[in-house]
PDB file of N, CA and C in Angstrom:
ATOM      1  N   UNK A   1       2.800 -24.160 -18.882  1.00  0.00           N
ATOM      2  CA  UNK A   1       1.398 -24.625 -19.081  1.00  0.00           C
ATOM      3  C   UNK A   1       1.107 -25.759 -18.177  1.00  0.00           C
ATOM      4  N   UNK A   2       0.084 -25.606 -17.355  1.00  0.00           N
ATOM      5  CA  UNK A   2      -0.229 -26.654 -16.383  1.00  0.00           C
ATOM      6  C   UNK A   2      -1.314 -27.615 -16.876  1.00  0.00           C
ATOM      7  N   UNK A   3      -1.091 -28.835 -16.483  1.00  0.00           N
ATOM      8  CA  UNK A   3      -2.056 -29.796 -16.832  1.00  0.00           C
ATOM      9  C   UNK A   3      -2.759 -30.401 -15.782  1.00  0.00           C
ATOM     10  N   UNK A   4      -4.014 -30.410 -15.818  1.00  0.00           N
ATOM     11  CA  UNK A   4      -4.880 -31.016 -14.620  1.00  0.00           C
ATOM     12  C   UNK A   4      -5.116 -32.499 -15.062  1.00  0.00           C
ATOM     13  N   UNK A   5      -4.758 -33.330 -14.162  1.00  0.00           N
ATOM     14  CA  UNK A   5      -5.164 -34.704 -14.275  1.00  0.00           C
ATOM     15  C   UNK A   5      -6.346 -35.068 -13.369  1.00  0.00           C
ATOM     16  N   UNK A   6      -7.312 -35.717 -14.201  1.00  0.00           N
ATOM     17  CA  UNK A   6      -8.443 -36.015 -13.309  1.00  0.00           C
ATOM     18  C   UNK A   6      -8.587 -37.356 -12.975  1.00  0.00           C
ATOM     19  N   UNK A   7      -8.909 -37.765 -11.857  1.00  0.00           N
ATOM     20  CA  UNK A   7      -8.931 -39.298 -11.584  1.00  0.00           C
ATOM     21  C   UNK A   7      -9.747 -40.048 -12.542  1.00  0.00           C
ATOM     22  N   UNK A   8      -9.351 -41.311 -12.779  1.00  0.00           N
ATOM     23  CA  UNK A   8     -10.084 -42.095 -13.779  1.00  0.00           C
ATOM     24  C   UNK A   8     -11.347 -42.496 -12.967  1.00  0.00           C
ATOM     25  N   UNK A   9     -12.498 -42.542 -13.598  1.00  0.00           N
ATOM     26  CA  UNK A   9     -13.757 -43.086 -13.069  1.00  0.00           C
ATOM     27  C   UNK A   9     -13.761 -44.605 -13.137  1.00  0.00           C
ATOM     28  N   UNK A  10     -14.221 -45.214 -12.037  1.00  0.00           N
ATOM     29  CA  UNK A  10     -14.342 -46.556 -11.929  1.00  0.00           C
ATOM     30  C   UNK A  10     -15.397 -47.132 -13.063  1.00  0.00           C
ATOM     31  N   UNK A  11     -14.984 -48.072 -13.805  1.00  0.00           N
ATOM     32  CA  UNK A  11     -15.968 -48.732 -14.775  1.00  0.00           C
ATOM     33  C   UNK A  11     -16.915 -49.434 -13.872  1.00  0.00           C
ATOM     34  N   UNK A  12     -18.228 -49.216 -14.040  1.00  0.00           N
ATOM     35  CA  UNK A  12     -19.043 -49.982 -13.447  1.00  0.00           C
ATOM     36  C   UNK A  12     -19.611 -51.141 -14.536  1.00  0.00           C
ATOM     37  N   UNK A  13     -19.561 -52.446 -14.008  1.00  0.00           N
ATOM     38  CA  UNK A  13     -20.017 -53.449 -14.831  1.00  0.00           C
ATOM     39  C   UNK A  13     -21.546 -53.544 -15.145  1.00  0.00           C
ATOM     40  N   UNK A  14     -21.911 -53.328 -16.332  1.00  0.00           N
ATOM     41  CA  UNK A  14     -23.358 -53.504 -16.618  1.00  0.00           C
ATOM     42  C   UNK A  14     -23.945 -54.816 -16.449  1.00  0.00           C
ATOM     43  N   UNK A  15     -25.046 -54.663 -15.854  1.00  0.00           N
ATOM     44  CA  UNK A  15     -25.803 -56.046 -15.570  1.00  0.00           C
ATOM     45  C   UNK A  15     -26.070 -56.629 -17.022  1.00  0.00           C
ATOM     46  N   UNK A  16     -25.864 -57.891 -17.145  1.00  0.00           N
ATOM     47  CA  UNK A  16     -26.041 -58.606 -18.408  1.00  0.00           C
ATOM     48  C   UNK A  16     -27.704 -58.576 -18.712  1.00  0.00           C
ATOM     49  N   UNK A  17     -27.907 -58.010 -19.812  1.00  0.00           N
ATOM     50  CA  UNK A  17     -29.477 -57.988 -20.306  1.00  0.00           C
ATOM     51  C   UNK A  17     -29.636 -59.157 -21.168  1.00  0.00           C
ATOM     52  N   UNK A  18     -30.985 -59.621 -21.098  1.00  0.00           N
ATOM     53  CA  UNK A  18     -31.369 -60.568 -21.998  1.00  0.00           C
ATOM     54  C   UNK A  18     -31.735 -60.025 -23.299  1.00  0.00           C
ATOM     55  N   UNK A  19     -31.233 -60.715 -24.459  1.00  0.00           N
ATOM     56  CA  UNK A  19     -31.527 -60.271 -25.693  1.00  0.00           C
ATOM     57  C   UNK A  19     -32.771 -60.990 -26.215  1.00  0.00           C
ATOM     58  N   UNK A  20     -33.932 -60.182 -26.097  1.00  0.00           N
ATOM     59  CA  UNK A  20     -35.162 -60.818 -26.495  1.00  0.00           C
ATOM     60  C   UNK A  20     -35.614 -60.629 -27.834  1.00  0.00           C
ATOM     61  N   UNK A  21     -34.569 -60.026 -28.475  1.00  0.00           N
ATOM     62  CA  UNK A  21     -34.955 -59.681 -30.106  1.00  0.00           C
ATOM     63  C   UNK A  21     -35.151 -60.902 -30.847  1.00  0.00           C
ATOM     64  N   UNK A  22     -34.355 -61.899 -30.657  1.00  0.00           N
ATOM     65  CA  UNK A  22     -34.645 -63.287 -31.223  1.00  0.00           C
ATOM     66  C   UNK A  22     -35.852 -63.874 -30.970  1.00  0.00           C
ATOM     67  N   UNK A  23     -36.247 -63.901 -29.717  1.00  0.00           N
ATOM     68  CA  UNK A  23     -37.485 -64.272 -29.246  1.00  0.00           C
ATOM     69  C   UNK A  23     -38.631 -63.589 -30.002  1.00  0.00           C
ATOM     70  N   UNK A  24     -38.565 -62.154 -29.780  1.00  0.00           N
ATOM     71  CA  UNK A  24     -39.473 -61.465 -30.568  1.00  0.00           C
ATOM     72  C   UNK A  24     -39.716 -61.736 -31.950  1.00  0.00           C
ATOM     73  N   UNK A  25     -38.662 -62.004 -32.581  1.00  0.00           N
ATOM     74  CA  UNK A  25     -38.650 -62.260 -33.933  1.00  0.00           C
ATOM     75  C   UNK A  25     -39.449 -63.629 -34.315  1.00  0.00           C
ATOM     76  N   UNK A  26     -39.195 -64.540 -33.479  1.00  0.00           N
ATOM     77  CA  UNK A  26     -39.851 -65.841 -33.617  1.00  0.00           C
ATOM     78  C   UNK A  26     -41.469 -65.651 -33.379  1.00  0.00           C
ATOM     79  N   UNK A  27     -41.804 -64.868 -32.403  1.00  0.00           N
ATOM     80  CA  UNK A  27     -43.111 -64.573 -32.273  1.00  0.00           C
ATOM     81  C   UNK A  27     -43.814 -63.657 -33.375  1.00  0.00           C
ATOM     82  N   UNK A  28     -43.060 -62.728 -33.797  1.00  0.00           N
ATOM     83  CA  UNK A  28     -43.681 -61.973 -35.069  1.00  0.00           C
ATOM     84  C   UNK A  28     -43.893 -62.994 -36.169  1.00  0.00           C
ATOM     85  N   UNK A  29     -42.956 -63.844 -36.291  1.00  0.00           N
ATOM     86  CA  UNK A  29     -42.950 -64.883 -37.504  1.00  0.00           C
ATOM     87  C   UNK A  29     -44.132 -65.812 -37.240  1.00  0.00           C
ATOM     88  N   UNK A  30     -44.628 -65.779 -36.124  1.00  0.00           N
ATOM     89  CA  UNK A  30     -45.861 -66.745 -35.724  1.00  0.00           C
ATOM     90  C   UNK A  30     -45.255 -68.289 -35.547  1.00  0.00           C
ATOM     91  N   UNK A  31     -44.125 -68.384 -35.123  1.00  0.00           N
ATOM     92  CA  UNK A  31     -43.473 -69.709 -35.110  1.00  0.00           C
ATOM     93  C   UNK A  31     -43.970 -70.376 -33.721  1.00  0.00           C
ATOM     94  N   UNK A  32     -44.093 -69.295 -32.595  1.00  0.00           N
ATOM     95  CA  UNK A  32     -44.641 -69.925 -31.549  1.00  0.00           C
ATOM     96  C   UNK A  32     -45.862 -69.023 -30.878  1.00  0.00           C
ATOM     97  N   UNK A  33     -46.639 -69.572 -30.150  1.00  0.00           N
ATOM     98  CA  UNK A  33     -47.999 -68.868 -29.655  1.00  0.00           C
ATOM     99  C   UNK A  33     -47.652 -67.730 -28.878  1.00  0.00           C
ATOM    100  N   UNK A  34     -46.644 -67.877 -27.928  1.00  0.00           N
ATOM    101  CA  UNK A  34     -46.333 -66.867 -26.920  1.00  0.00           C
ATOM    102  C   UNK A  34     -44.973 -66.825 -26.519  1.00  0.00           C
ATOM    103  N   UNK A  35     -44.461 -66.057 -25.698  1.00  0.00           N
ATOM    104  CA  UNK A  35     -43.109 -66.218 -25.018  1.00  0.00           C
ATOM    105  C   UNK A  35     -42.977 -67.480 -24.038  1.00  0.00           C
ATOM    106  N   UNK A  36     -44.045 -67.708 -23.393  1.00  0.00           N
ATOM    107  CA  UNK A  36     -43.998 -68.793 -22.447  1.00  0.00           C
ATOM    108  C   UNK A  36     -43.766 -70.230 -23.285  1.00  0.00           C
ATOM    109  N   UNK A  37     -44.417 -70.388 -24.450  1.00  0.00           N
ATOM    110  CA  UNK A  37     -44.363 -71.519 -25.248  1.00  0.00           C
ATOM    111  C   UNK A  37     -42.822 -71.540 -25.792  1.00  0.00           C
ATOM    112  N   UNK A  38     -42.354 -70.317 -26.108  1.00  0.00           N
ATOM    113  CA  UNK A  38     -40.973 -70.342 -26.477  1.00  0.00           C
ATOM    114  C   UNK A  38     -39.924 -70.827 -25.633  1.00  0.00           C
ATOM    115  N   UNK A  39     -40.155 -70.388 -24.430  1.00  0.00           N
ATOM    116  CA  UNK A  39     -39.441 -70.793 -23.162  1.00  0.00           C
ATOM    117  C   UNK A  39     -39.543 -72.264 -22.943  1.00  0.00           C
ATOM    118  N   UNK A  40     -40.622 -72.806 -23.002  1.00  0.00           N
ATOM    119  CA  UNK A  40     -40.814 -74.289 -22.871  1.00  0.00           C
ATOM    120  C   UNK A  40     -40.174 -75.031 -23.799  1.00  0.00           C
ATOM    121  N   UNK A  41     -40.037 -74.578 -25.063  1.00  0.00           N
ATOM    122  CA  UNK A  41     -39.553 -75.279 -26.056  1.00  0.00           C
ATOM    123  C   UNK A  41     -37.965 -75.337 -25.849  1.00  0.00           C
ATOM    124  N   UNK A  42     -37.490 -73.953 -25.497  1.00  0.00           N
ATOM    125  CA  UNK A  42     -36.087 -74.026 -25.317  1.00  0.00           C
ATOM    126  C   UNK A  42     -35.672 -74.818 -24.100  1.00  0.00           C
ATOM    127  N   UNK A  43     -36.435 -74.906 -23.004  1.00  0.00           N
ATOM    128  CA  UNK A  43     -36.012 -75.874 -21.834  1.00  0.00           C
ATOM    129  C   UNK A  43     -36.066 -77.332 -22.335  1.00  0.00           C
ATOM    130  N   UNK A  44     -36.866 -77.716 -23.251  1.00  0.00           N
ATOM    131  CA  UNK A  44     -37.027 -78.966 -23.736  1.00  0.00           C
ATOM    132  C   UNK A  44     -35.645 -79.435 -24.498  1.00  0.00           C
ATOM    133  N   UNK A  45     -35.162 -78.403 -25.126  1.00  0.00           N
ATOM    134  CA  UNK A  45     -33.941 -78.628 -25.917  1.00  0.00           C
ATOM    135  C   UNK A  45     -32.800 -78.622 -25.053  1.00  0.00           C
ATOM    136  N   UNK A  46     -32.812 -77.755 -23.966  1.00  0.00           N
ATOM    137  CA  UNK A  46     -31.670 -77.853 -22.926  1.00  0.00           C
ATOM    138  C   UNK A  46     -31.703 -79.256 -22.358  1.00  0.00           C
ATOM    139  N   UNK A  47     -32.796 -79.590 -22.024  1.00  0.00           N
ATOM    140  CA  UNK A  47     -32.813 -81.049 -21.314  1.00  0.00           C
ATOM    141  C   UNK A  47     -32.534 -82.178 -22.145  1.00  0.00           C
ATOM    142  N   UNK A  48     -32.870 -82.095 -23.396  1.00  0.00           N
ATOM    143  CA  UNK A  48     -32.376 -83.106 -24.482  1.00  0.00           C
ATOM    144  C   UNK A  48     -30.916 -83.169 -24.686  1.00  0.00           C
ATOM    145  N   UNK A  49     -30.120 -82.098 -24.730  1.00  0.00           N
ATOM    146  CA  UNK A  49     -28.932 -81.800 -25.130  1.00  0.00           C
ATOM    147  C   UNK A  49     -28.025 -82.037 -23.773  1.00  0.00           C
ATOM    148  N   UNK A  50     -28.532 -81.516 -22.593  1.00  0.00           N
ATOM    149  CA  UNK A  50     -27.787 -81.872 -21.318  1.00  0.00           C
ATOM    150  C   UNK A  50     -28.723 -82.438 -20.355  1.00  0.00           C
ATOM    151  N   UNK A  51     -28.901 -83.753 -20.251  1.00  0.00           N
ATOM    152  CA  UNK A  51     -29.688 -84.378 -19.444  1.00  0.00           C
ATOM    153  C   UNK A  51     -29.407 -84.274 -17.963  1.00  0.00           C
ATOM    154  N   UNK A  52     -28.165 -83.883 -17.745  1.00  0.00           N
ATOM    155  CA  UNK A  52     -27.887 -83.584 -16.398  1.00  0.00           C
ATOM    156  C   UNK A  52     -28.575 -82.455 -15.735  1.00  0.00           C
ATOM    157  N   UNK A  53     -29.127 -81.507 -16.711  1.00  0.00           N
ATOM    158  CA  UNK A  53     -29.832 -80.267 -16.097  1.00  0.00           C
ATOM    159  C   UNK A  53     -31.075 -80.829 -15.587  1.00  0.00           C
ATOM    160  N   UNK A  54     -31.833 -81.832 -16.183  1.00  0.00           N
ATOM    161  CA  UNK A  54     -33.049 -82.540 -15.666  1.00  0.00           C
ATOM    162  C   UNK A  54     -32.853 -82.930 -14.257  1.00  0.00           C
ATOM    163  N   UNK A  55     -31.718 -83.490 -14.010  1.00  0.00           N
ATOM    164  CA  UNK A  55     -31.369 -84.232 -12.550  1.00  0.00           C
ATOM    165  C   UNK A  55     -31.213 -82.949 -11.601  1.00  0.00           C
ATOM    166  N   UNK A  56     -30.501 -81.943 -11.920  1.00  0.00           N
ATOM    167  CA  UNK A  56     -30.316 -80.863 -11.230  1.00  0.00           C
ATOM    168  C   UNK A  56     -31.545 -80.078 -10.813  1.00  0.00           C
ATOM    169  N   UNK A  57     -32.345 -79.789 -11.830  1.00  0.00           N
ATOM    170  CA  UNK A  57     -33.664 -79.134 -11.636  1.00  0.00           C
ATOM    171  C   UNK A  57     -34.556 -79.959 -10.729  1.00  0.00           C
ATOM    172  N   UNK A  58     -34.600 -81.270 -10.833  1.00  0.00           N
ATOM    173  CA  UNK A  58     -35.346 -82.350 -10.169  1.00  0.00           C
ATOM    174  C   UNK A  58     -34.912 -82.227  -8.567  1.00  0.00           C
ATOM    175  N   UNK A  59     -33.508 -82.339  -8.505  1.00  0.00           N
ATOM    176  CA  UNK A  59     -33.144 -82.240  -6.934  1.00  0.00           C
ATOM    177  C   UNK A  59     -33.458 -80.865  -6.397  1.00  0.00           C
ATOM    178  N   UNK A  60     -33.260 -79.946  -7.146  1.00  0.00           N
ATOM    179  CA  UNK A  60     -33.685 -78.472  -6.627  1.00  0.00           C
ATOM    180  C   UNK A  60     -35.170 -78.421  -6.101  1.00  0.00           C
ATOM    181  N   UNK A  61     -35.973 -78.970  -7.025  1.00  0.00           N
ATOM    182  CA  UNK A  61     -37.441 -78.930  -6.740  1.00  0.00           C
ATOM    183  C   UNK A  61     -37.788 -79.869  -5.474  1.00  0.00           C
ATOM    184  N   UNK A  62     -37.056 -81.054  -5.469  1.00  0.00           N
ATOM    185  CA  UNK A  62     -37.195 -81.789  -4.334  1.00  0.00           C
ATOM    186  C   UNK A  62     -36.586 -81.239  -3.034  1.00  0.00           C
ATOM    187  N   UNK A  63     -35.665 -80.589  -3.164  1.00  0.00           N
ATOM    188  CA  UNK A  63     -35.046 -80.086  -1.999  1.00  0.00           C
ATOM    189  C   UNK A  63     -35.810 -78.987  -1.337  1.00  0.00           C
ATOM    190  N   UNK A  64     -36.510 -78.122  -2.203  1.00  0.00           N
ATOM    191  CA  UNK A  64     -37.368 -76.915  -1.805  1.00  0.00           C
ATOM    192  C   UNK A  64     -38.781 -77.510  -1.650  1.00  0.00           C
ATOM    193  N   UNK A  65     -39.052 -78.760  -1.594  1.00  0.00           N
ATOM    194  CA  UNK A  65     -40.272 -79.452  -1.304  1.00  0.00           C
ATOM    195  C   UNK A  65     -41.426 -79.114  -2.026  1.00  0.00           C
ATOM    196  N   UNK A  66     -41.012 -78.700  -3.457  1.00  0.00           N
ATOM    197  CA  UNK A  66     -42.146 -78.305  -4.517  1.00  0.00           C
ATOM    198  C   UNK A  66     -42.731 -79.539  -5.064  1.00  0.00           C
ATOM    199  N   UNK A  67     -41.926 -80.656  -4.984  1.00  0.00           N
ATOM    200  CA  UNK A  67     -42.357 -81.905  -5.538  1.00  0.00           C
ATOM    201  C   UNK A  67     -42.154 -83.060  -4.737  1.00  0.00           C
ATOM    202  N   UNK A  68     -42.671 -84.233  -4.770  1.00  0.00           N
ATOM    203  CA  UNK A  68     -42.371 -85.332  -4.110  1.00  0.00           C
ATOM    204  C   UNK A  68     -41.325 -86.032  -4.552  1.00  0.00           C
ATOM    205  N   UNK A  69     -40.710 -87.111  -3.868  1.00  0.00           N
ATOM    206  CA  UNK A  69     -39.680 -87.761  -4.409  1.00  0.00           C
ATOM    207  C   UNK A  69     -39.863 -88.619  -5.695  1.00  0.00           C
ATOM    208  N   UNK A  70     -41.105 -89.253  -5.748  1.00  0.00           N
ATOM    209  CA  UNK A  70     -41.613 -89.833  -7.134  1.00  0.00           C
ATOM    210  C   UNK A  70     -41.526 -88.741  -8.380  1.00  0.00           C
ATOM    211  N   UNK A  71     -42.220 -87.803  -8.045  1.00  0.00           N
ATOM    212  CA  UNK A  71     -42.291 -86.780  -9.047  1.00  0.00           C
ATOM    213  C   UNK A  71     -40.939 -86.060  -9.604  1.00  0.00           C
ATOM    214  N   UNK A  72     -40.038 -85.985  -8.460  1.00  0.00           N
ATOM    215  CA  UNK A  72     -38.607 -85.392  -8.846  1.00  0.00           C
ATOM    216  C   UNK A  72     -37.976 -86.609  -9.555  1.00  0.00           C
ATOM    217  N   UNK A  73     -37.981 -87.849  -9.260  1.00  0.00           N
ATOM    218  CA  UNK A  73     -37.443 -88.919 -10.061  1.00  0.00           C
ATOM    219  C   UNK A  73     -38.038 -88.732 -11.602  1.00  0.00           C
ATOM    220  N   UNK A  74     -39.233 -88.640 -11.679  1.00  0.00           N
ATOM    221  CA  UNK A  74     -39.840 -88.580 -13.030  1.00  0.00           C
ATOM    222  C   UNK A  74     -39.327 -87.329 -13.766  1.00  0.00           C
ATOM    223  N   UNK A  75     -39.193 -86.273 -12.963  1.00  0.00           N
ATOM    224  CA  UNK A  75     -38.588 -84.955 -13.705  1.00  0.00           C
ATOM    225  C   UNK A  75     -37.242 -85.330 -14.249  1.00  0.00           C
ATOM    226  N   UNK A  76     -36.393 -86.152 -13.484  1.00  0.00           N
ATOM    227  CA  UNK A  76     -35.089 -86.331 -13.666  1.00  0.00           C
ATOM    228  C   UNK A  76     -34.968 -87.489 -14.859  1.00  0.00           C
ATOM    229  N   UNK A  77     -36.021 -88.133 -15.111  1.00  0.00           N
ATOM    230  CA  UNK A  77     -35.970 -89.245 -16.200  1.00  0.00           C
ATOM    231  C   UNK A  77     -35.473 -90.505 -15.595  1.00  0.00           C
ATOM    232  N   UNK A  78     -35.492 -90.653 -14.308  1.00  0.00           N
ATOM    233  CA  UNK A  78     -35.011 -91.837 -13.653  1.00  0.00           C
ATOM    234  C   UNK A  78     -36.159 -92.519 -12.817  1.00  0.00           C
ATOM    235  N   UNK A  79     -35.723 -93.747 -12.383  1.00  0.00           N
ATOM    236  CA  UNK A  79     -36.848 -94.405 -11.581  1.00  0.00           C
ATOM    237  C   UNK A  79     -36.489 -93.972 -10.098  1.00  0.00           C
ATOM    238  N   UNK A  80     -37.340 -94.198  -9.185  1.00  0.00           N
ATOM    239  CA  UNK A  80     -37.281 -93.665  -7.811  1.00  0.00           C
ATOM    240  C   UNK A  80     -36.016 -93.987  -7.232  1.00  0.00           C
ATOM    241  N   UNK A  81     -35.711 -95.374  -7.584  1.00  0.00           N
ATOM    242  CA  UNK A  81     -34.470 -95.873  -6.569  1.00  0.00           C
ATOM    243  C   UNK A  81     -33.271 -95.396  -7.023  1.00  0.00           C
ATOM    244  N   UNK A  82     -32.978 -94.917  -8.428  1.00  0.00           N
ATOM    245  CA  UNK A  82     -31.846 -94.359  -8.967  1.00  0.00           C
ATOM    246  C   UNK A  82     -31.651 -92.973  -8.405  1.00  0.00           C
ATOM    247  N   UNK A  83     -32.943 -92.237  -8.592  1.00  0.00           N
ATOM    248  CA  UNK A  83     -32.908 -90.876  -8.059  1.00  0.00           C
ATOM    249  C   UNK A  83     -32.517 -90.847  -6.605  1.00  0.00           C
ATOM    250  N   UNK A  84     -33.070 -91.800  -5.842  1.00  0.00           N
ATOM    251  CA  UNK A  84     -32.926 -91.576  -4.342  1.00  0.00           C
ATOM    252  C   UNK A  84     -31.393 -92.024  -4.001  1.00  0.00           C
ATOM    253  N   UNK A  85     -30.788 -92.857  -4.879  1.00  0.00           N
ATOM    254  CA  UNK A  85     -29.367 -92.993  -4.831  1.00  0.00           C
ATOM    255  C   UNK A  85     -28.512 -91.842  -4.889  1.00  0.00           C
ATOM    256  N   UNK A  86     -28.926 -91.100  -6.057  1.00  0.00           N
ATOM    257  CA  UNK A  86     -28.255 -89.774  -6.145  1.00  0.00           C
ATOM    258  C   UNK A  86     -28.309 -88.844  -5.035  1.00  0.00           C
ATOM    259  N   UNK A  87     -29.499 -88.777  -4.390  1.00  0.00           N
ATOM    260  CA  UNK A  87     -29.708 -87.882  -3.140  1.00  0.00           C
ATOM    261  C   UNK A  87     -28.817 -88.285  -2.066  1.00  0.00           C
ATOM    262  N   UNK A  88     -28.735 -89.721  -1.902  1.00  0.00           N
ATOM    263  CA  UNK A  88     -27.950 -90.189  -0.846  1.00  0.00           C
ATOM    264  C   UNK A  88     -26.554 -89.887  -0.984  1.00  0.00           C
ATOM    265  N   UNK A  89     -26.033 -90.021  -2.357  1.00  0.00           N
ATOM    266  CA  UNK A  89     -24.538 -89.614  -2.586  1.00  0.00           C
ATOM    267  C   UNK A  89     -24.188 -88.213  -2.189  1.00  0.00           C
ATOM    268  N   UNK A  90     -25.362 -87.346  -2.433  1.00  0.00           N
ATOM    269  CA  UNK A  90     -25.066 -85.886  -2.296  1.00  0.00           C
ATOM    270  C   UNK A  90     -25.551 -85.540  -0.800  1.00  0.00           C
ATOM    271  N   UNK A  91     -25.892 -86.417  -0.057  1.00  0.00           N
ATOM    272  CA  UNK A  91     -26.255 -86.274   1.336  1.00  0.00           C
ATOM    273  C   UNK A  91     -27.419 -85.368   1.432  1.00  0.00           C
ATOM    274  N   UNK A  92     -28.489 -85.618   0.694  1.00  0.00           N
ATOM    275  CA  UNK A  92     -29.668 -84.924   0.866  1.00  0.00           C
ATOM    276  C   UNK A  92     -30.754 -86.010   1.534  1.00  0.00           C
ATOM    277  N   UNK A  93     -31.130 -85.583   2.548  1.00  0.00           N
ATOM    278  CA  UNK A  93     -32.135 -86.328   3.253  1.00  0.00           C
ATOM    279  C   UNK A  93     -33.461 -86.601   2.553  1.00  0.00           C
ATOM    280  N   UNK A  94     -33.908 -87.795   2.752  1.00  0.00           N
ATOM    281  CA  UNK A  94     -35.239 -88.052   2.036  1.00  0.00           C
ATOM    282  C   UNK A  94     -36.014 -88.655   3.383  1.00  0.00           C
ATOM    283  N   UNK A  95     -37.370 -88.382   3.342  1.00  0.00           N
ATOM    284  CA  UNK A  95     -38.088 -88.935   4.350  1.00  0.00           C
ATOM    285  C   UNK A  95     -39.186 -89.775   3.641  1.00  0.00           C
ATOM    286  N   UNK A  96     -39.335 -91.041   4.098  1.00  0.00           N
ATOM    287  CA  UNK A  96     -40.217 -91.844   3.488  1.00  0.00           C
ATOM    288  C   UNK A  96     -41.458 -91.744   4.125  1.00  0.00           C
ATOM    289  N   UNK A  97     -42.397 -91.358   3.524  1.00  0.00           N
ATOM    290  CA  UNK A  97     -43.817 -91.266   4.021  1.00  0.00           C
ATOM    291  C   UNK A  97     -44.725 -92.757   3.978  1.00  0.00           C
ATOM    292  N   UNK A  98     -45.176 -93.087   4.866  1.00  0.00           N
ATOM    293  CA  UNK A  98     -45.917 -94.557   4.850  1.00  0.00           C
ATOM    294  C   UNK A  98     -47.302 -94.240   5.538  1.00  0.00           C
ATOM    295  N   UNK A  99     -48.057 -95.252   5.126  1.00  0.00           N
ATOM    296  CA  UNK A  99     -49.444 -95.265   5.694  1.00  0.00           C
ATOM    297  C   UNK A  99     -49.399 -95.705   7.069  1.00  0.00           C
ATOM    298  N   UNK A 100     -50.405 -95.287   7.911  1.00  0.00           N
ATOM    299  CA  UNK A 100     -50.514 -95.702   9.291  1.00  0.00           C
ATOM    300  C   UNK A 100     -50.777 -97.213   9.303  1.00  0.00           C
ATOM    301  N   UNK A 101     -50.386 -97.833  10.329  1.00  0.00           N
ATOM    302  CA  UNK A 101     -50.463 -99.068  10.469  1.00  0.00           C
ATOM    303  C   UNK A 101     -51.770 -99.711  10.491  1.00  0.00           C
ATOM    304  N   UNK A 102     -52.707 -98.955  11.092  1.00  0.00           N
ATOM    305  CA  UNK A 102     -54.133 -99.547  10.941  1.00  0.00           C
ATOM    306  C   UNK A 102     -54.759 -99.560   9.625  1.00  0.00           C
ATOM    307  N   UNK A 103     -54.206 -98.579   8.723  1.00  0.00           N
ATOM    308  CA  UNK A 103     -54.695 -98.663   7.338  1.00  0.00           C
ATOM    309  C   UNK A 103     -53.886 -99.789   6.442  1.00  0.00           C
ATOM    310  N   UNK A 104     -52.643-100.149   6.995  1.00  0.00           N
ATOM    311  CA  UNK A 104     -52.255-101.217   6.366  1.00  0.00           C
ATOM    312  C   UNK A 104     -52.768-102.643   6.599  1.00  0.00           C
ATOM    313  N   UNK A 105     -53.325-102.588   7.946  1.00  0.00           N
ATOM    314  CA  UNK A 105     -53.968-103.788   8.273  1.00  0.00           C
ATOM    315  C   UNK A 105     -55.225-104.114   7.673  1.00  0.00           C
ATOM    316  N   UNK A 106     -55.990-102.990   7.434  1.00  0.00           N
ATOM    317  CA  UNK A 106     -57.238-102.896   6.761  1.00  0.00           C
ATOM    318  C   UNK A 106     -57.077-103.418   5.396  1.00  0.00           C
ATOM    319  N   UNK A 107     -56.048-102.791   4.700  1.00  0.00           N
ATOM    320  CA  UNK A 107     -55.599-103.320   3.360  1.00  0.00           C
ATOM    321  C   UNK A 107     -55.393-104.821   3.178  1.00  0.00           C
ATOM    322  N   UNK A 108     -54.660-105.225   4.249  1.00  0.00           N
ATOM    323  CA  UNK A 108     -54.150-106.560   4.119  1.00  0.00           C
ATOM    324  C   UNK A 108     -55.541-107.572   4.378  1.00  0.00           C
ATOM    325  N   UNK A 109     -56.203-107.219   5.374  1.00  0.00           N
ATOM    326  CA  UNK A 109     -57.443-107.957   5.636  1.00  0.00           C
ATOM    327  C   UNK A 109     -58.293-107.995   4.346  1.00  0.00           C
ATOM    328  N   UNK A 110     -58.433-106.774   3.594  1.00  0.00           N
ATOM    329  CA  UNK A 110     -59.270-106.779   2.438  1.00  0.00           C
ATOM    330  C   UNK A 110     -58.898-107.729   1.425  1.00  0.00           C
ATOM    331  N   UNK A 111     -57.486-107.695   1.196  1.00  0.00           N
ATOM    332  CA  UNK A 111     -56.738-108.718   0.152  1.00  0.00           C
ATOM    333  C   UNK A 111     -56.922-110.079   0.673  1.00  0.00           C
ATOM    334  N   UNK A 112     -57.075-110.388   1.893  1.00  0.00           N
ATOM    335  CA  UNK A 112     -57.121-111.863   2.316  1.00  0.00           C
ATOM    336  C   UNK A 112     -58.593-112.126   2.039  1.00  0.00           C
ATOM    337  N   UNK A 113     -59.539-111.341   2.276  1.00  0.00           N
ATOM    338  CA  UNK A 113     -61.064-111.573   1.960  1.00  0.00           C
ATOM    339  C   UNK A 113     -61.222-111.980   0.439  1.00  0.00           C
ATOM    340  N   UNK A 114     -60.548-111.131  -0.404  1.00  0.00           N
ATOM    341  CA  UNK A 114     -60.662-111.277  -1.688  1.00  0.00           C
ATOM    342  C   UNK A 114     -59.955-112.465  -2.268  1.00  0.00           C
ATOM    343  N   UNK A 115     -58.909-112.897  -1.502  1.00  0.00           N
ATOM    344  CA  UNK A 115     -58.316-114.194  -2.178  1.00  0.00           C
ATOM    345  C   UNK A 115     -58.945-115.492  -1.637  1.00  0.00           C
ATOM    346  N   UNK A 116     -59.994-115.304  -0.721  1.00  0.00           N
ATOM    347  CA  UNK A 116     -60.773-116.556  -0.305  1.00  0.00           C
ATOM    348  C   UNK A 116     -61.626-116.786  -1.438  1.00  0.00           C
TER     349      UNK A 116
END
């Protein structure tokens, strides 16, 4: 009796699927207005439980130039100086934008006039 041996097929790892059934159940129960609101609530909880995620999100938004330094610090829940210190430690360059000299001179002159 002959036995044929077939080569084993390689198992292909399935892509992970998001399980939306729980989100859909919450929406059907009318606990959230829509999926976007559900996602916003989930993010709020993530950031509350793991505040370091806020910092990482803020750094990425700043690095991709989607937000200013001040806005990124706000997202991170830090003041500008602490956030900038984190960027320096991670060797992420920051560019300080300043008003042109003539605008600063005009503002100084206006303050002096008001002070008289």
